Amino acid sequence: MKVSIWDTYVPRKNGTIMHFDIVVPSNVKDEQIIFEYGKEYVMTKEYEAYDLTAKECRFCHIKQATHEMISKIKEKGYFIIEMEHCN
């Protein structure tokens, strides 16, 4: 499965910046759906963050999905790769 990687930076209210990638099937191109996936992920965190918009989330590249990515995408529609300040 080919997936699109959306590079995402969301400011937290404590001043740090969450950096994570939203991974979706490459045929998903509707930015609003992708933003909603990012918002859903941010809502799982215990701390406050600002809203996720096009300014914070941009298409980066397409790659081959791993087995873990495919499993989560089948379950939730997306996969998150946590990079910085996500915990």
Protein backbone atom coordinates (compact mmCIF):
# COMPACT_ATOMS: atom_id res chain seq x y z
CA MET A 1 0.00 0.00 0.00
CA LYS A 2 1.29 3.45 -0.89
CA VAL A 3 0.71 6.11 1.77
CA SER A 4 0.95 9.89 1.91
CA ILE A 5 2.94 11.45 4.72
CA TRP A 6 1.66 14.79 6.08
CA ASP A 7 4.28 16.65 8.14
CA THR A 8 2.49 18.27 11.07
CA TYR A 9 3.55 20.82 13.71
CA VAL A 10 1.04 21.85 16.38
CA PRO A 11 1.85 24.46 19.04
CA ARG A 12 1.16 23.31 22.58
CA LYS A 13 -0.06 25.85 25.10
CA ASN A 14 3.14 25.40 27.12
CA GLY A 15 5.15 26.83 24.21
CA THR A 16 6.59 23.59 22.79
CA ILE A 17 5.75 22.37 19.31
CA MET A 18 4.35 18.88 18.73
CA HIS A 19 5.83 17.36 15.59
CA PHE A 20 4.17 14.27 14.12
CA ASP A 21 3.36 12.78 10.75
CA ILE A 22 -0.15 11.85 9.69
CA VAL A 23 -0.05 8.81 7.41
CA VAL A 24 -3.03 8.13 5.12
CA PRO A 25 -3.62 6.00 2.03
CA SER A 26 -2.22 7.84 -0.99
CA ASN A 27 -5.69 8.08 -2.54
CA VAL A 28 -6.92 10.25 0.39
CA LYS A 29 -6.43 13.79 -0.85
CA ASP A 30 -9.10 15.76 1.04
CA GLU A 31 -7.14 18.01 3.41
CA GLN A 32 -10.11 18.43 5.75
CA ILE A 33 -10.25 14.68 6.36
CA ILE A 34 -6.51 14.62 7.04
CA PHE A 35 -6.77 17.62 9.39
CA GLU A 36 -9.59 15.85 11.27
CA TYR A 37 -7.34 12.82 11.74
CA GLY A 38 -4.68 15.11 13.20
CA LYS A 39 -7.19 16.80 15.49
CA GLU A 40 -8.47 13.41 16.64
CA TYR A 41 -4.90 12.40 17.51
CA VAL A 42 -4.18 15.66 19.38
CA MET A 43 -7.37 15.18 21.42
CA THR A 44 -5.95 11.90 22.77
CA LYS A 45 -3.23 13.86 24.58
CA GLU A 46 -3.60 15.08 28.16
CA TYR A 47 -2.23 18.55 27.49
CA GLU A 48 -3.70 21.50 25.64
CA ALA A 49 -2.70 22.32 22.09
CA TYR A 50 -3.81 24.91 19.60
CA ASP A 51 -5.92 24.04 16.57
CA LEU A 52 -4.45 22.19 13.62
CA THR A 53 -4.80 23.97 10.27
CA ALA A 54 -3.18 23.96 6.82
CA LYS A 55 -0.47 26.20 8.28
CA GLU A 56 0.62 23.38 10.61
CA CYS A 57 0.02 20.39 8.32
CA ARG A 58 1.47 19.93 4.83
CA PHE A 59 1.89 17.07 2.39
CA CYS A 60 5.47 15.81 2.48
CA HIS A 61 5.90 12.64 0.39
CA ILE A 62 4.56 9.21 -0.61
CA LYS A 63 6.13 5.95 0.54
CA GLN A 64 5.40 2.26 0.94
CA ALA A 65 3.46 1.49 4.13
CA THR A 66 4.81 -0.81 6.83
CA HIS A 67 2.70 -3.65 8.22
CA GLU A 68 2.04 -1.59 11.37
CA MET A 69 0.84 1.38 9.28
CA ILE A 70 -1.47 -0.82 7.21
CA SER A 71 -2.97 -2.38 10.34
CA LYS A 72 -3.73 1.00 11.97
CA ILE A 73 -5.03 2.49 8.71
CA LYS A 74 -7.47 -0.45 8.37
CA GLU A 75 -8.55 0.12 11.97
CA LYS A 76 -8.75 3.94 12.14
CA GLY A 77 -8.21 5.30 8.64
CA TYR A 78 -4.81 6.79 9.51
CA PHE A 79 -1.54 6.21 11.35
CA ILE A 80 0.52 8.66 13.40
CA ILE A 81 4.31 8.78 13.57
CA GLU A 82 5.27 10.70 16.71
CA MET A 83 8.40 12.79 16.19
CA GLU A 84 8.86 15.46 18.91
CA HIS A 85 7.03 16.65 22.05
CA CYS A 86 4.09 14.29 21.58
CA ASN A 87 4.23 12.81 25.09
